[in-house]
Amino acid sequence: MIIRAATEADAEALAAIYDHHVLTGFGTFELEPPGVAWMEAKRRDIQGYGLPFLVAELGKRVLGYAYAGPFRPRPGYRFTVEDSVYVAPDAIGRGVGRAALAAVLDHCTAMGLRQVVAVIGDSGNTASIGLHRALGFADAGVVRNVGFKHGRWVDIVMMQKPLNGGADTLPDIPGLALGGG
């Protein structure tokens, strides 16, 4: 398996993976698959910040992906990102998500960022919670019953991982170029 930067040629595979999770799971609160064009715009937007949007590929097949996006749009959040990771249903449990997310964390560390936040859909999502714990994330809280999907209320689990000393020192980079709002 190789981990590499996602490209425009990956948009269809990325959308297919995401669509599966939209339709069957709680990892995202989308209710309808947003499609290939949305996914390509998302990739361009993430990479436009200089942030990683990576795919895990085996034998020319994209098995999963992970990326880090701005945590919130206001400039005060410029040193913090939020991660996302999705794996093809037949590749779950094979280390795909771990490899892709670990590479994203390495990239964010190299950028000088200070915090990564995970917003995990569904407090019963033991696979994602376990993956994040295994990569050094700590529990930051649970926000109960804030989503409604597949006929039930859904929690979000917040987890956090400091990078580059976290809040122990002042930042030594300008951070992400975020707008106001």
N, C-alpha and C. Protein backbone atom coordinates (compact mmCIF):
# COMPACT_ATOMS: atom_id res chain seq x y z
N MET A 1 0.84 -1.18 0.00
CA MET A 1 0.00 0.00 0.00
C MET A 1 0.88 1.24 0.00
N ILE A 2 0.51 2.19 -0.82
CA ILE A 2 1.23 3.46 -0.83
C ILE A 2 0.27 4.57 -0.38
N ILE A 3 0.85 5.57 0.25
CA ILE A 3 0.10 6.77 0.64
C ILE A 3 0.64 7.89 -0.23
N ARG A 4 -0.26 8.60 -0.90
CA ARG A 4 0.15 9.67 -1.80
C ARG A 4 -0.89 10.77 -1.78
N ALA A 5 -0.51 11.90 -2.33
CA ALA A 5 -1.45 13.03 -2.44
C ALA A 5 -2.57 12.67 -3.41
N ALA A 6 -3.79 13.01 -3.03
CA ALA A 6 -4.94 12.81 -3.91
C ALA A 6 -4.83 13.76 -5.10
N THR A 7 -5.34 13.30 -6.23
CA THR A 7 -5.36 14.11 -7.45
C THR A 7 -6.78 14.15 -8.01
N GLU A 8 -6.96 14.96 -9.01
CA GLU A 8 -8.26 15.05 -9.68
C GLU A 8 -8.71 13.69 -10.20
N ALA A 9 -7.78 12.86 -10.63
CA ALA A 9 -8.11 11.54 -11.15
C ALA A 9 -8.72 10.62 -10.09
N ASP A 10 -8.56 10.96 -8.82
CA ASP A 10 -9.09 10.15 -7.73
C ASP A 10 -10.52 10.51 -7.33
N ALA A 11 -11.06 11.57 -7.88
CA ALA A 11 -12.34 12.12 -7.40
C ALA A 11 -13.46 11.08 -7.41
N GLU A 12 -13.56 10.29 -8.44
CA GLU A 12 -14.64 9.30 -8.51
C GLU A 12 -14.49 8.24 -7.42
N ALA A 13 -13.29 7.74 -7.21
CA ALA A 13 -13.05 6.74 -6.17
C ALA A 13 -13.31 7.32 -4.78
N LEU A 14 -12.86 8.55 -4.55
CA LEU A 14 -13.09 9.21 -3.26
C LEU A 14 -14.57 9.39 -3.00
N ALA A 15 -15.29 9.84 -4.02
CA ALA A 15 -16.73 10.04 -3.88
C ALA A 15 -17.44 8.72 -3.61
N ALA A 16 -17.03 7.64 -4.24
CA ALA A 16 -17.67 6.34 -4.02
C ALA A 16 -17.48 5.89 -2.57
N ILE A 17 -16.29 6.08 -2.03
CA ILE A 17 -16.04 5.71 -0.63
C ILE A 17 -16.91 6.57 0.29
N TYR A 18 -16.89 7.87 0.06
CA TYR A 18 -17.67 8.78 0.90
C TYR A 18 -19.16 8.49 0.79
N ASP A 19 -19.64 8.26 -0.43
CA ASP A 19 -21.06 7.97 -0.65
C ASP A 19 -21.51 6.78 0.20
N HIS A 20 -20.68 5.74 0.26
CA HIS A 20 -21.03 4.57 1.07
C HIS A 20 -21.24 4.97 2.53
N HIS A 21 -20.35 5.79 3.06
CA HIS A 21 -20.46 6.19 4.47
C HIS A 21 -21.63 7.15 4.70
N VAL A 22 -21.93 7.98 3.71
CA VAL A 22 -23.10 8.85 3.81
C VAL A 22 -24.37 8.00 3.91
N LEU A 23 -24.46 7.00 3.06
CA LEU A 23 -25.68 6.20 2.97
C LEU A 23 -25.84 5.16 4.08
N THR A 24 -24.74 4.72 4.68
CA THR A 24 -24.83 3.59 5.61
C THR A 24 -24.37 3.89 7.03
N GLY A 25 -23.66 4.98 7.25
CA GLY A 25 -23.05 5.18 8.57
C GLY A 25 -23.37 6.51 9.19
N PHE A 26 -22.65 6.78 10.28
CA PHE A 26 -22.83 8.00 11.05
C PHE A 26 -21.55 8.83 11.13
N GLY A 27 -20.52 8.44 10.40
CA GLY A 27 -19.25 9.17 10.42
C GLY A 27 -19.36 10.55 9.81
N THR A 28 -20.34 10.75 8.98
CA THR A 28 -20.66 12.05 8.42
C THR A 28 -22.15 12.30 8.61
N PHE A 29 -22.51 13.54 8.75
CA PHE A 29 -23.92 13.86 8.94
C PHE A 29 -24.59 14.28 7.63
N GLU A 30 -23.88 14.10 6.52
CA GLU A 30 -24.53 14.27 5.21
C GLU A 30 -25.66 13.24 5.12
N LEU A 31 -26.75 13.61 4.48
CA LEU A 31 -27.85 12.67 4.29
C LEU A 31 -27.92 12.14 2.87
N GLU A 32 -27.42 12.90 1.93
CA GLU A 32 -27.40 12.51 0.51
C GLU A 32 -25.97 12.63 0.01
N PRO A 33 -25.51 11.67 -0.77
CA PRO A 33 -24.15 11.76 -1.33
C PRO A 33 -24.00 13.04 -2.15
N PRO A 34 -22.95 13.82 -1.87
CA PRO A 34 -22.79 15.10 -2.57
C PRO A 34 -22.20 14.99 -3.97
N GLY A 35 -21.60 13.85 -4.32
CA GLY A 35 -21.15 13.64 -5.69
C GLY A 35 -19.68 13.92 -5.96
N VAL A 36 -19.29 13.57 -7.17
CA VAL A 36 -17.89 13.66 -7.60
C VAL A 36 -17.41 15.10 -7.67
N ALA A 37 -18.21 16.00 -8.23
CA ALA A 37 -17.79 17.40 -8.36
C ALA A 37 -17.56 18.02 -6.98
N TRP A 38 -18.41 17.72 -6.02
CA TRP A 38 -18.23 18.22 -4.65
C TRP A 38 -16.93 17.70 -4.07
N MET A 39 -16.68 16.40 -4.27
CA MET A 39 -15.47 15.81 -3.71
C MET A 39 -14.22 16.43 -4.33
N GLU A 40 -14.24 16.68 -5.61
CA GLU A 40 -13.08 17.30 -6.27
C GLU A 40 -12.88 18.72 -5.76
N ALA A 41 -13.96 19.45 -5.57
CA ALA A 41 -13.85 20.81 -5.02
C ALA A 41 -13.30 20.76 -3.59
N LYS A 42 -13.72 19.79 -2.81
CA LYS A 42 -13.22 19.62 -1.45
C LYS A 42 -11.71 19.36 -1.46
N ARG A 43 -11.27 18.47 -2.32
CA ARG A 43 -9.84 18.16 -2.42
C ARG A 43 -9.04 19.41 -2.79
N ARG A 44 -9.50 20.13 -3.80
CA ARG A 44 -8.81 21.36 -4.23
C ARG A 44 -8.76 22.39 -3.10
N ASP A 45 -9.86 22.53 -2.38
CA ASP A 45 -9.92 23.49 -1.29
C ASP A 45 -8.91 23.13 -0.19
N ILE A 46 -8.90 21.88 0.22
CA ILE A 46 -7.98 21.42 1.28
C ILE A 46 -6.54 21.62 0.83
N GLN A 47 -6.20 21.15 -0.34
CA GLN A 47 -4.83 21.27 -0.83
C GLN A 47 -4.46 22.73 -1.10
N GLY A 48 -5.45 23.57 -1.37
CA GLY A 48 -5.20 25.00 -1.57
C GLY A 48 -4.67 25.69 -0.32
N TYR A 49 -4.95 25.14 0.83
CA TYR A 49 -4.38 25.65 2.09
C TYR A 49 -2.99 25.10 2.36
N GLY A 50 -2.53 24.21 1.48
CA GLY A 50 -1.25 23.55 1.71
C GLY A 50 -1.39 22.36 2.65
N LEU A 51 -2.63 21.98 2.94
CA LEU A 51 -2.90 20.87 3.84
C LEU A 51 -2.93 19.54 3.10
N PRO A 52 -2.70 18.45 3.81
CA PRO A 52 -2.68 17.14 3.17
C PRO A 52 -4.07 16.58 2.90
N PHE A 53 -4.27 16.10 1.70
CA PHE A 53 -5.43 15.28 1.33
C PHE A 53 -4.81 14.07 0.66
N LEU A 54 -4.76 12.96 1.39
CA LEU A 54 -3.98 11.80 0.97
C LEU A 54 -4.86 10.59 0.71
N VAL A 55 -4.42 9.75 -0.21
CA VAL A 55 -5.11 8.49 -0.48
C VAL A 55 -4.19 7.32 -0.13
N ALA A 56 -4.82 6.23 0.27
CA ALA A 56 -4.13 4.95 0.46
C ALA A 56 -4.50 4.10 -0.75
N GLU A 57 -3.48 3.65 -1.45
CA GLU A 57 -3.69 2.96 -2.72
C GLU A 57 -2.97 1.62 -2.72
N LEU A 58 -3.62 0.61 -3.25
CA LEU A 58 -3.00 -0.70 -3.40
C LEU A 58 -3.37 -1.22 -4.78
N GLY A 59 -2.35 -1.54 -5.58
CA GLY A 59 -2.62 -2.04 -6.92
C GLY A 59 -3.44 -1.09 -7.77
N LYS A 60 -3.16 0.19 -7.67
CA LYS A 60 -3.85 1.25 -8.43
C LYS A 60 -5.29 1.47 -7.98
N ARG A 61 -5.69 0.87 -6.86
CA ARG A 61 -7.04 1.07 -6.33
C ARG A 61 -6.97 1.89 -5.05
N VAL A 62 -7.78 2.94 -4.99
CA VAL A 62 -7.88 3.76 -3.79
C VAL A 62 -8.73 3.01 -2.77
N LEU A 63 -8.10 2.69 -1.63
CA LEU A 63 -8.78 1.95 -0.56
C LEU A 63 -9.34 2.86 0.52
N GLY A 64 -8.82 4.08 0.59
CA GLY A 64 -9.29 5.01 1.60
C GLY A 64 -8.57 6.33 1.46
N TYR A 65 -8.97 7.27 2.29
CA TYR A 65 -8.32 8.58 2.25
C TYR A 65 -8.45 9.26 3.60
N ALA A 66 -7.58 10.23 3.80
CA ALA A 66 -7.62 11.07 4.99
C ALA A 66 -7.14 12.46 4.61
N TYR A 67 -7.63 13.44 5.35
CA TYR A 67 -7.18 14.81 5.10
C TYR A 67 -7.32 15.61 6.38
N ALA A 68 -6.68 16.76 6.39
CA ALA A 68 -6.82 17.74 7.46
C ALA A 68 -7.32 19.03 6.83
N GLY A 69 -8.38 19.55 7.38
CA GLY A 69 -8.93 20.82 6.91
C GLY A 69 -8.94 21.83 8.04
N PRO A 70 -9.14 23.10 7.70
CA PRO A 70 -9.22 24.11 8.76
C PRO A 70 -10.30 23.72 9.78
N PHE A 71 -10.00 23.90 11.06
CA PHE A 71 -10.95 23.55 12.11
C PHE A 71 -12.17 24.46 12.07
N ARG A 72 -11.95 25.74 11.97
CA ARG A 72 -13.00 26.74 11.85
C ARG A 72 -12.44 27.87 10.98
N PRO A 73 -13.30 28.70 10.38
CA PRO A 73 -12.81 29.70 9.41
C PRO A 73 -12.18 30.96 10.01
N ARG A 74 -12.36 31.22 11.27
CA ARG A 74 -11.84 32.47 11.84
C ARG A 74 -10.33 32.39 12.06
N PRO A 75 -9.64 33.50 11.89
CA PRO A 75 -8.17 33.51 11.97
C PRO A 75 -7.59 33.01 13.29
N GLY A 76 -8.32 33.14 14.38
CA GLY A 76 -7.82 32.67 15.66
C GLY A 76 -7.61 31.16 15.70
N TYR A 77 -8.19 30.44 14.76
CA TYR A 77 -8.04 28.98 14.69
C TYR A 77 -6.95 28.55 13.71
N ARG A 78 -6.10 29.45 13.26
CA ARG A 78 -5.16 29.18 12.17
C ARG A 78 -4.10 28.13 12.46
N PHE A 79 -3.95 27.72 13.72
CA PHE A 79 -2.95 26.70 14.07
C PHE A 79 -3.59 25.34 14.35
N THR A 80 -4.91 25.23 14.11
CA THR A 80 -5.66 24.02 14.43
C THR A 80 -6.36 23.51 13.18
N VAL A 81 -6.30 22.19 13.00
CA VAL A 81 -6.99 21.54 11.89
C VAL A 81 -7.90 20.45 12.43
N GLU A 82 -8.82 20.03 11.58
CA GLU A 82 -9.72 18.91 11.88
C GLU A 82 -9.43 17.81 10.87
N ASP A 83 -9.28 16.59 11.37
CA ASP A 83 -8.99 15.50 10.45
C ASP A 83 -10.27 14.78 10.04
N SER A 84 -10.18 14.11 8.90
CA SER A 84 -11.23 13.23 8.40
C SER A 84 -10.57 12.01 7.79
N VAL A 85 -11.18 10.86 7.96
CA VAL A 85 -10.64 9.62 7.41
C VAL A 85 -11.80 8.70 7.02
N TYR A 86 -11.74 8.17 5.81
CA TYR A 86 -12.78 7.27 5.29
C TYR A 86 -12.11 6.12 4.55
N VAL A 87 -12.66 4.92 4.72
CA VAL A 87 -12.09 3.71 4.14
C VAL A 87 -13.17 2.96 3.37
N ALA A 88 -12.79 2.39 2.23
CA ALA A 88 -13.72 1.56 1.45
C ALA A 88 -14.23 0.42 2.33
N PRO A 89 -15.49 0.05 2.18
CA PRO A 89 -16.06 -0.94 3.08
C PRO A 89 -15.31 -2.28 3.11
N ASP A 90 -14.77 -2.70 1.98
CA ASP A 90 -14.05 -3.98 1.95
C ASP A 90 -12.60 -3.87 2.42
N ALA A 91 -12.18 -2.67 2.79
CA ALA A 91 -10.80 -2.47 3.27
C ALA A 91 -10.76 -2.10 4.76
N ILE A 92 -11.91 -2.01 5.39
CA ILE A 92 -11.96 -1.66 6.81
C ILE A 92 -11.27 -2.75 7.62
N GLY A 93 -10.48 -2.33 8.59
CA GLY A 93 -9.78 -3.27 9.46
C GLY A 93 -8.45 -3.77 8.92
N ARG A 94 -8.01 -3.21 7.81
CA ARG A 94 -6.75 -3.64 7.18
C ARG A 94 -5.62 -2.63 7.35
N GLY A 95 -5.79 -1.64 8.21
CA GLY A 95 -4.75 -0.66 8.47
C GLY A 95 -4.73 0.51 7.51
N VAL A 96 -5.71 0.59 6.64
CA VAL A 96 -5.76 1.65 5.63
C VAL A 96 -5.95 3.01 6.29
N GLY A 97 -6.95 3.12 7.15
CA GLY A 97 -7.23 4.39 7.82
C GLY A 97 -6.06 4.84 8.68
N ARG A 98 -5.46 3.90 9.38
CA ARG A 98 -4.32 4.22 10.25
C ARG A 98 -3.15 4.76 9.42
N ALA A 99 -2.83 4.10 8.32
CA ALA A 99 -1.71 4.55 7.49
C ALA A 99 -1.96 5.93 6.90
N ALA A 100 -3.17 6.16 6.40
CA ALA A 100 -3.49 7.45 5.79
C ALA A 100 -3.51 8.56 6.83
N LEU A 101 -4.14 8.30 7.98
CA LEU A 101 -4.24 9.34 9.01
C LEU A 101 -2.87 9.63 9.62
N ALA A 102 -2.05 8.61 9.83
CA ALA A 102 -0.70 8.83 10.37
C ALA A 102 0.10 9.73 9.44
N ALA A 103 -0.04 9.53 8.14
CA ALA A 103 0.67 10.37 7.17
C ALA A 103 0.16 11.80 7.21
N VAL A 104 -1.14 11.97 7.39
CA VAL A 104 -1.71 13.32 7.52
C VAL A 104 -1.14 14.01 8.75
N LEU A 105 -1.07 13.29 9.86
CA LEU A 105 -0.52 13.87 11.09
C LEU A 105 0.94 14.25 10.91
N ASP A 106 1.71 13.41 10.23
CA ASP A 106 3.11 13.74 9.95
C ASP A 106 3.22 15.02 9.15
N HIS A 107 2.38 15.16 8.15
CA HIS A 107 2.40 16.36 7.30
C HIS A 107 2.05 17.60 8.13
N CYS A 108 1.02 17.50 8.97
CA CYS A 108 0.61 18.64 9.80
C CYS A 108 1.70 19.02 10.79
N THR A 109 2.39 18.01 11.32
CA THR A 109 3.51 18.28 12.22
C THR A 109 4.61 19.03 11.48
N ALA A 110 4.94 18.57 10.29
CA ALA A 110 5.98 19.21 9.49
C ALA A 110 5.61 20.65 9.12
N MET A 111 4.31 20.94 9.01
CA MET A 111 3.85 22.29 8.71
C MET A 111 3.97 23.23 9.91
N GLY A 112 4.17 22.67 11.10
CA GLY A 112 4.26 23.49 12.30
C GLY A 112 2.94 23.74 12.99
N LEU A 113 1.88 23.05 12.56
CA LEU A 113 0.58 23.23 13.20
C LEU A 113 0.62 22.74 14.64
N ARG A 114 -0.36 23.16 15.46
CA ARG A 114 -0.30 22.88 16.90
C ARG A 114 -1.37 21.94 17.44
N GLN A 115 -2.52 21.85 16.81
CA GLN A 115 -3.59 21.00 17.32
C GLN A 115 -4.33 20.34 16.16
N VAL A 116 -4.70 19.09 16.37
CA VAL A 116 -5.59 18.39 15.44
C VAL A 116 -6.80 17.95 16.25
N VAL A 117 -7.98 18.27 15.74
CA VAL A 117 -9.23 17.92 16.39
C VAL A 117 -9.94 16.87 15.52
N ALA A 118 -10.46 15.86 16.18
CA ALA A 118 -11.30 14.87 15.50
C ALA A 118 -12.73 15.09 15.98
N VAL A 119 -13.65 15.18 15.04
CA VAL A 119 -15.07 15.28 15.36
C VAL A 119 -15.69 14.01 14.78
N ILE A 120 -15.88 13.03 15.64
CA ILE A 120 -16.27 11.69 15.21
C ILE A 120 -17.78 11.53 15.37
N GLY A 121 -18.44 11.23 14.26
CA GLY A 121 -19.87 10.98 14.30
C GLY A 121 -20.18 9.66 14.97
N ASP A 122 -21.01 9.69 16.00
CA ASP A 122 -21.56 8.53 16.70
C ASP A 122 -20.63 8.05 17.81
N SER A 123 -21.09 8.17 19.02
CA SER A 123 -20.30 7.69 20.17
C SER A 123 -20.13 6.17 20.13
N GLY A 124 -20.87 5.48 19.30
CA GLY A 124 -20.70 4.04 19.13
C GLY A 124 -19.71 3.68 18.03
N ASN A 125 -19.05 4.67 17.44
CA ASN A 125 -18.09 4.44 16.36
C ASN A 125 -16.74 4.02 16.96
N THR A 126 -16.71 2.81 17.49
CA THR A 126 -15.52 2.34 18.21
C THR A 126 -14.31 2.23 17.31
N ALA A 127 -14.50 1.97 16.02
CA ALA A 127 -13.35 1.85 15.11
C ALA A 127 -12.63 3.19 14.97
N SER A 128 -13.37 4.26 14.73
CA SER A 128 -12.75 5.57 14.57
C SER A 128 -12.18 6.08 15.89
N ILE A 129 -12.92 5.88 16.96
CA ILE A 129 -12.43 6.30 18.28
C ILE A 129 -11.14 5.56 18.61
N GLY A 130 -11.12 4.25 18.37
CA GLY A 130 -9.92 3.46 18.64
C GLY A 130 -8.76 3.86 17.76
N LEU A 131 -9.01 4.13 16.50
CA LEU A 131 -7.96 4.58 15.59
C LEU A 131 -7.33 5.87 16.12
N HIS A 132 -8.16 6.83 16.48
CA HIS A 132 -7.64 8.10 16.97
C HIS A 132 -6.86 7.93 18.27
N ARG A 133 -7.37 7.12 19.17
CA ARG A 133 -6.63 6.86 20.42
C ARG A 133 -5.27 6.23 20.11
N ALA A 134 -5.25 5.28 19.20
CA ALA A 134 -4.00 4.60 18.85
C ALA A 134 -2.97 5.57 18.27
N LEU A 135 -3.43 6.65 17.67
CA LEU A 135 -2.53 7.65 17.09
C LEU A 135 -2.28 8.83 18.03
N GLY A 136 -2.65 8.67 19.30
CA GLY A 136 -2.29 9.67 20.30
C GLY A 136 -3.32 10.74 20.60
N PHE A 137 -4.52 10.59 20.10
CA PHE A 137 -5.59 11.55 20.41
C PHE A 137 -6.14 11.25 21.80
N ALA A 138 -6.53 12.30 22.50
CA ALA A 138 -7.16 12.17 23.82
C ALA A 138 -8.62 12.60 23.71
N ASP A 139 -9.44 12.04 24.57
CA ASP A 139 -10.85 12.41 24.62
C ASP A 139 -10.96 13.88 25.01
N ALA A 140 -11.83 14.60 24.31
CA ALA A 140 -12.07 16.01 24.62
C ALA A 140 -13.53 16.26 24.97
N GLY A 141 -14.37 15.25 24.80
CA GLY A 141 -15.77 15.40 25.19
C GLY A 141 -16.72 14.76 24.21
N VAL A 142 -17.95 14.65 24.64
CA VAL A 142 -19.03 14.13 23.80
C VAL A 142 -20.14 15.17 23.78
N VAL A 143 -20.61 15.48 22.60
CA VAL A 143 -21.75 16.38 22.45
C VAL A 143 -22.92 15.48 22.07
N ARG A 144 -23.87 15.41 22.94
CA ARG A 144 -24.94 14.42 22.83
C ARG A 144 -26.09 14.87 21.93
N ASN A 145 -26.53 13.93 21.09
CA ASN A 145 -27.78 14.06 20.33
C ASN A 145 -27.87 15.33 19.49
N VAL A 146 -26.77 15.68 18.81
CA VAL A 146 -26.77 16.89 17.99
C VAL A 146 -27.07 16.63 16.52
N GLY A 147 -27.01 15.36 16.12
CA GLY A 147 -27.33 15.01 14.74
C GLY A 147 -28.50 14.05 14.71
N PHE A 148 -29.22 14.04 13.61
CA PHE A 148 -30.31 13.09 13.43
C PHE A 148 -30.13 12.44 12.07
N LYS A 149 -29.92 11.13 12.07
CA LYS A 149 -29.65 10.42 10.83
C LYS A 149 -30.12 8.98 10.97
N HIS A 150 -30.59 8.41 9.88
CA HIS A 150 -31.06 7.03 9.86
C HIS A 150 -32.05 6.75 10.99
N GLY A 151 -32.90 7.74 11.27
CA GLY A 151 -33.97 7.55 12.23
C GLY A 151 -33.60 7.62 13.69
N ARG A 152 -32.39 8.12 13.99
CA ARG A 152 -32.02 8.22 15.41
C ARG A 152 -31.14 9.44 15.66
N TRP A 153 -31.11 9.85 16.92
CA TRP A 153 -30.22 10.93 17.34
C TRP A 153 -28.81 10.39 17.44
N VAL A 154 -27.84 11.24 17.07
CA VAL A 154 -26.44 10.83 17.01
C VAL A 154 -25.58 11.84 17.74
N ASP A 155 -24.65 11.30 18.55
CA ASP A 155 -23.67 12.12 19.27
C ASP A 155 -22.49 12.43 18.35
N ILE A 156 -21.66 13.39 18.77
CA ILE A 156 -20.33 13.53 18.21
C ILE A 156 -19.32 13.40 19.35
N VAL A 157 -18.25 12.71 19.06
CA VAL A 157 -17.15 12.53 20.00
C VAL A 157 -16.03 13.44 19.56
N MET A 158 -15.58 14.27 20.49
CA MET A 158 -14.48 15.19 20.20
C MET A 158 -13.20 14.59 20.78
N MET A 159 -12.16 14.57 19.96
CA MET A 159 -10.84 14.12 20.40
C MET A 159 -9.82 15.13 19.92
N GLN A 160 -8.66 15.15 20.56
CA GLN A 160 -7.66 16.18 20.24
C GLN A 160 -6.26 15.63 20.39
N LYS A 161 -5.39 16.07 19.50
CA LYS A 161 -3.98 15.69 19.56
C LYS A 161 -3.12 16.93 19.38
N PRO A 162 -2.27 17.23 20.37
CA PRO A 162 -1.34 18.35 20.19
C PRO A 162 -0.18 17.95 19.29
N LEU A 163 0.30 18.92 18.53
CA LEU A 163 1.48 18.74 17.68
C LEU A 163 2.50 19.80 18.04
N ASN A 164 3.74 19.51 17.85
CA ASN A 164 4.80 20.52 18.02
C ASN A 164 4.74 21.25 19.37
N GLY A 165 4.46 20.50 20.42
CA GLY A 165 4.38 21.11 21.75
C GLY A 165 3.03 21.67 22.10
N GLY A 166 2.06 21.60 21.17
CA GLY A 166 0.72 22.09 21.45
C GLY A 166 0.73 23.51 21.98
N ALA A 167 0.13 23.70 23.14
CA ALA A 167 0.00 25.03 23.73
C ALA A 167 1.13 25.37 24.70
N ASP A 168 2.15 24.53 24.75
CA ASP A 168 3.25 24.77 25.70
C ASP A 168 4.16 25.93 25.29
N THR A 169 4.16 26.28 24.02
CA THR A 169 4.96 27.41 23.54
C THR A 169 4.15 28.21 22.54
N LEU A 170 4.60 29.40 22.26
CA LEU A 170 3.93 30.23 21.26
C LEU A 170 4.25 29.69 19.87
N PRO A 171 3.35 29.89 18.93
CA PRO A 171 3.61 29.43 17.56
C PRO A 171 4.79 30.14 16.92
N ASP A 172 5.48 29.42 16.04
CA ASP A 172 6.61 30.02 15.34
C ASP A 172 6.41 30.04 13.83
N ILE A 173 5.15 29.88 13.42
CA ILE A 173 4.76 29.96 12.01
C ILE A 173 3.55 30.88 11.93
N PRO A 174 3.21 31.39 10.73
CA PRO A 174 2.03 32.26 10.63
C PRO A 174 0.70 31.51 10.72
N GLY A 175 0.71 30.19 10.51
CA GLY A 175 -0.53 29.42 10.53
C GLY A 175 -1.24 29.47 9.19
N LEU A 176 -2.39 28.87 9.13
CA LEU A 176 -3.18 28.84 7.89
C LEU A 176 -3.72 30.23 7.59
N ALA A 177 -3.83 30.54 6.33
CA ALA A 177 -4.39 31.82 5.90
C ALA A 177 -5.91 31.68 5.87
N LEU A 178 -6.55 32.04 6.98
CA LEU A 178 -8.00 31.93 7.10
C LEU A 178 -8.64 33.30 7.03
N GLY A 179 -9.87 33.32 6.57
CA GLY A 179 -10.59 34.58 6.47
C GLY A 179 -11.25 34.96 7.77
N GLY A 180 -12.14 35.88 7.72
CA GLY A 180 -12.87 36.32 8.91
C GLY A 180 -14.13 35.50 9.07
N GLY A 181 -15.13 36.07 9.67
CA GLY A 181 -16.42 35.39 9.76
C GLY A 181 -16.76 35.10 11.12
